[in-house]
Amino acid sequence: MTGREGDLGAATPGGEFRRLDRPVRSFVALPCPPGLRAAVAEARRRWRSIPADAKWSDPERIHLTLRFLGDASPRALAELHGRLAETAAASGSLTLSPGETGAFPHWRRARVLWVGFEDAGAVDRLAERVEADARASGFEPAERPFTAHLTLGRIKGPRGSRPAVEAVRDWRPESGAEEVDEMILYASELGPAGPSHTALARYRLGAGA
């Protein structure tokens, strides 16, 4: 997912929480490591030169979504906040190594283009705990199985779709393994320029270890 992003500053062990007075679309995510972000930015400059009906993700706003929550009430978010703080404190920092690229629903009918991660078991386990936290806080079960990935772009129409898809399919980032030490609870609001993301809380991974 991408979008303009607000900021609460550095992560804290307790995960300072920005309370809301109305329901808001929200999600839980990991930030993109800086080396991979730079690799995406470099590739995006090439991809944007392809005459295609495609919308490429802004590398400054890219992130790894652990759980999309949909429209969430302030009460549900406050309850989830406490559980996420405990989950993050009990989890260690993560090492992310970019892997192969992929497409949803599949390459022949690509609509969403993404890059995955090698040895993503630790991310999968964290996503499982976040899913349990969401359900315990009153959220419905996730609609789709979790796949650890960063969205690189979306195909909007048939014009130039084949070269755009092939460019991503052949891409392999060389940023290597990088550490991620925080998890973020975001609010997301749609606007004319696209979604705007505001950090409601940041959680230091492994703060309780």
Foldseek 3Di string as FASTA:
>chain_A
DFAAEADPDDADLLWAFAFDQFWFWKFKWFADDPLVLVLLVVLVVVLVVQPAQKFFHNSVGWTWTLTGQGTDGRQLVVQLSNQVSVLQQVFFKDKWFWDAKAAPPGLVDGFWIWIATPPCPSSLVSSVSSQVSSVVSPTDHGPDRDGTIITGMGHDDDGRPVVSSVSRRPDDRPSGIDITFKMFMWGWDADPVGIYIYTRTIHGGNNND
